[in-house]
Amino acid sequence: MNKFRTALLLFFLFQLGTAQNKTVVTMKSHVMKMMEQISDNGSFTRSIFKENMVAIELLRKAADLPALRMSDTNKAVVKSIKRAAYNELLQEDHQAIIETATSFNINWKKVRFEDFLYKSKALFKLGQPGFEGLLIFKDKTQKDILFTLRVDFIMLGTDPYILEIDDLKKVLK
């Protein structure tokens, strides 16, 4: 009986680890793709920023899914956000990144993905599980300098979506 329990526990842990690894690979490939879009385009446009964020319509649909067990308070918050207000919030976050990037002399044509660090959160924003992430990238024109962007993912079911991108920082190697 003990061998059966041990085998069952190992199987469960393997499944849990595999699911989390898939999520991490998905998040990492998402931010890598975004950095490629930025580099290929030569700038971090508002449209690139917006297309990588979770859509407000998807958040509203997710709020009604019984499997997510979103609290009534969080459902009310999501449903009260108007599209115009959400777009304004995205515009403000994007503008803050662009202004900071300008002060750091970032050449968006020369950016390259370096790494994505993350920390899992069982209860994150809107009461859902998620990940606090740190996107690390390099501007190839600036030696011995890395840049970081905070990229937070929310889990809606089994899929991660970017909920927030902000807090651009310059870090010396």
Protein backbone atom coordinates (compact mmCIF):
# COMPACT_ATOMS: atom_id res chain seq x y z
CA MET A 1 0.00 0.00 0.00
CA ASN A 2 2.85 2.41 0.78
CA LYS A 3 4.41 1.79 -2.65
CA PHE A 4 1.06 2.63 -4.26
CA ARG A 5 0.78 5.91 -2.29
CA THR A 6 4.36 6.83 -3.14
CA ALA A 7 3.78 6.08 -6.83
CA LEU A 8 0.54 8.07 -6.81
CA LEU A 9 2.23 11.01 -5.10
CA LEU A 10 5.12 10.95 -7.58
CA PHE A 11 2.67 10.78 -10.49
CA PHE A 12 0.72 13.76 -9.11
CA LEU A 13 3.89 15.80 -8.59
CA PHE A 14 5.07 14.94 -12.10
CA GLN A 15 1.75 16.06 -13.58
CA LEU A 16 1.81 19.28 -11.58
CA GLY A 17 5.40 19.97 -12.63
CA THR A 18 4.63 19.23 -16.28
CA ALA A 19 1.63 21.61 -16.26
CA GLN A 20 3.66 24.37 -14.64
CA ASN A 21 6.56 23.80 -17.06
CA LYS A 22 4.16 24.15 -20.00
CA THR A 23 2.86 27.41 -18.53
CA VAL A 24 6.39 28.73 -18.03
CA VAL A 25 7.36 27.80 -21.59
CA THR A 26 4.22 29.57 -22.86
CA MET A 27 4.97 32.72 -20.84
CA LYS A 28 8.62 32.78 -21.88
CA SER A 29 7.81 32.29 -25.55
CA HIS A 30 5.18 35.04 -25.32
CA VAL A 31 7.65 37.63 -24.00
CA MET A 32 10.34 36.45 -26.45
CA LYS A 33 7.90 36.91 -29.33
CA MET A 34 6.97 40.36 -28.06
CA MET A 35 10.66 41.37 -27.95
CA GLU A 36 11.08 40.09 -31.52
CA GLN A 37 8.06 42.15 -32.63
CA ILE A 38 9.55 45.24 -31.00
CA SER A 39 12.98 44.70 -32.54
CA ASP A 40 11.57 43.91 -36.00
CA ASN A 41 9.35 46.98 -35.86
CA GLY A 42 12.08 49.22 -34.46
CA SER A 43 9.84 50.60 -31.74
CA PHE A 44 7.61 49.51 -28.91
CA THR A 45 4.39 50.75 -30.43
CA ARG A 46 1.11 51.04 -28.62
CA SER A 47 -0.37 48.41 -30.92
CA ILE A 48 2.36 45.88 -30.02
CA PHE A 49 1.84 46.68 -26.34
CA LYS A 50 -1.94 46.33 -26.60
CA GLU A 51 -1.97 43.14 -28.66
CA ASN A 52 0.18 41.39 -26.05
CA MET A 53 -2.12 42.30 -23.17
CA VAL A 54 -5.19 40.34 -22.11
CA ALA A 55 -8.29 41.77 -23.78
CA ILE A 56 -10.91 43.26 -21.49
CA GLU A 57 -13.56 41.17 -23.29
CA LEU A 58 -11.68 37.98 -22.38
CA LEU A 59 -11.45 39.09 -18.74
CA ARG A 60 -15.20 39.71 -18.70
CA LYS A 61 -15.95 36.27 -20.16
CA ALA A 62 -13.54 34.63 -17.74
CA ALA A 63 -15.22 36.34 -14.77
CA ASP A 64 -18.38 34.35 -15.52
CA LEU A 65 -16.65 30.97 -15.72
CA PRO A 66 -17.61 28.89 -12.67
CA ALA A 67 -14.30 26.98 -12.85
CA LEU A 68 -12.35 30.16 -12.01
CA ARG A 69 -14.32 30.73 -8.82
CA MET A 70 -13.86 34.48 -9.08
CA SER A 71 -15.37 36.29 -6.11
CA ASP A 72 -18.41 38.49 -6.64
CA THR A 73 -16.28 41.51 -5.73
CA ASN A 74 -13.66 40.71 -8.38
CA LYS A 75 -16.38 39.93 -10.95
CA ALA A 76 -17.91 43.32 -10.26
CA VAL A 77 -14.53 45.03 -10.70
CA VAL A 78 -13.90 43.32 -14.05
CA LYS A 79 -17.40 44.00 -15.33
CA SER A 80 -17.30 47.65 -14.28
CA ILE A 81 -14.22 48.40 -16.38
CA LYS A 82 -15.30 50.14 -19.56
CA ARG A 83 -13.36 49.54 -22.75
CA ALA A 84 -12.39 53.22 -22.98
CA ALA A 85 -11.07 53.23 -19.39
CA TYR A 86 -9.11 50.02 -20.01
CA ASN A 87 -7.60 51.50 -23.19
CA GLU A 88 -6.69 54.65 -21.27
CA LEU A 89 -4.96 52.57 -18.59
CA LEU A 90 -3.02 50.68 -21.27
CA GLN A 91 -2.10 54.00 -22.90
CA GLU A 92 -0.78 55.37 -19.59
CA ASP A 93 1.32 52.24 -18.89
CA HIS A 94 2.67 52.23 -22.44
CA GLN A 95 3.48 55.94 -22.34
CA ALA A 96 5.37 55.54 -19.05
CA ILE A 97 7.50 52.78 -20.62
CA ILE A 98 8.21 54.88 -23.71
CA GLU A 99 9.19 57.94 -21.67
CA THR A 100 11.50 55.90 -19.46
CA ALA A 101 12.98 54.13 -22.51
CA THR A 102 13.71 57.50 -24.10
CA SER A 103 15.53 58.65 -20.96
CA PHE A 104 17.58 55.41 -21.07
CA ASN A 105 18.33 55.90 -24.80
CA ILE A 106 16.96 52.45 -25.68
CA ASN A 107 17.30 51.61 -29.35
CA TRP A 108 14.28 49.34 -29.88
CA LYS A 109 15.74 48.05 -33.17
CA LYS A 110 18.65 46.58 -31.21
CA VAL A 111 16.83 44.96 -28.29
CA ARG A 112 17.33 41.29 -27.58
CA PHE A 113 15.59 38.99 -25.12
CA GLU A 114 17.92 37.81 -22.33
CA ASP A 115 15.77 36.02 -19.77
CA PHE A 116 12.42 35.83 -18.04
CA LEU A 117 12.33 35.33 -14.28
CA TYR A 118 9.08 34.55 -12.53
CA LYS A 119 7.50 33.86 -9.19
CA SER A 120 4.31 31.84 -8.91
CA LYS A 121 1.41 33.31 -6.93
CA ALA A 122 -1.42 31.04 -5.80
CA LEU A 123 -3.75 34.01 -5.30
CA PHE A 124 -2.81 36.86 -7.55
CA LYS A 125 -4.65 39.72 -9.16
CA LEU A 126 -8.44 39.41 -9.27
CA GLY A 127 -8.12 36.46 -6.91
CA GLN A 128 -6.73 34.22 -9.65
CA PRO A 129 -3.43 32.37 -9.71
CA GLY A 130 -0.68 34.04 -11.67
CA PHE A 131 2.97 34.88 -12.02
CA GLU A 132 5.00 37.96 -11.21
CA GLY A 133 7.50 38.15 -14.01
CA LEU A 134 10.63 40.08 -14.83
CA LEU A 135 11.55 40.36 -18.50
CA ILE A 136 15.27 40.99 -18.91
CA PHE A 137 16.48 42.39 -22.21
CA LYS A 138 19.52 44.02 -23.70
CA ASP A 139 20.01 46.91 -26.09
CA LYS A 140 23.00 45.74 -28.16
CA THR A 141 24.16 49.34 -28.53
CA GLN A 142 24.68 49.71 -24.76
CA LYS A 143 27.50 47.67 -23.30
CA ASP A 144 27.24 46.22 -19.76
CA ILE A 145 23.63 47.35 -19.31
CA LEU A 146 20.50 45.27 -19.01
CA PHE A 147 16.92 46.46 -18.83
CA THR A 148 14.02 44.93 -16.95
CA LEU A 149 10.28 45.19 -17.40
CA ARG A 150 7.79 43.79 -14.95
CA VAL A 151 5.41 41.48 -16.83
CA ASP A 152 2.62 39.96 -14.76
CA PHE A 153 0.63 37.00 -16.05
CA ILE A 154 -2.81 35.99 -14.80
CA MET A 155 -4.02 32.43 -15.22
CA LEU A 156 -7.46 32.15 -16.77
CA GLY A 157 -8.13 28.46 -16.60
CA THR A 158 -4.97 26.75 -17.80
CA ASP A 159 -3.74 29.62 -19.98
CA PRO A 160 -1.51 32.53 -18.93
CA TYR A 161 -2.31 36.05 -20.15
CA ILE A 162 -0.34 39.24 -19.65
CA LEU A 163 -2.29 41.46 -17.29
CA GLU A 164 0.31 44.15 -16.73
CA ILE A 165 3.57 45.42 -18.23
CA ASP A 166 5.31 48.28 -16.45
CA ASP A 167 8.23 49.45 -14.33
CA LEU A 168 11.07 49.69 -16.88
CA LYS A 169 14.44 49.78 -15.12
CA LYS A 170 18.09 50.00 -16.11
CA VAL A 171 20.51 47.58 -14.48
CA LEU A 172 24.29 47.53 -14.74
CA LYS A 173 25.76 44.06 -15.36
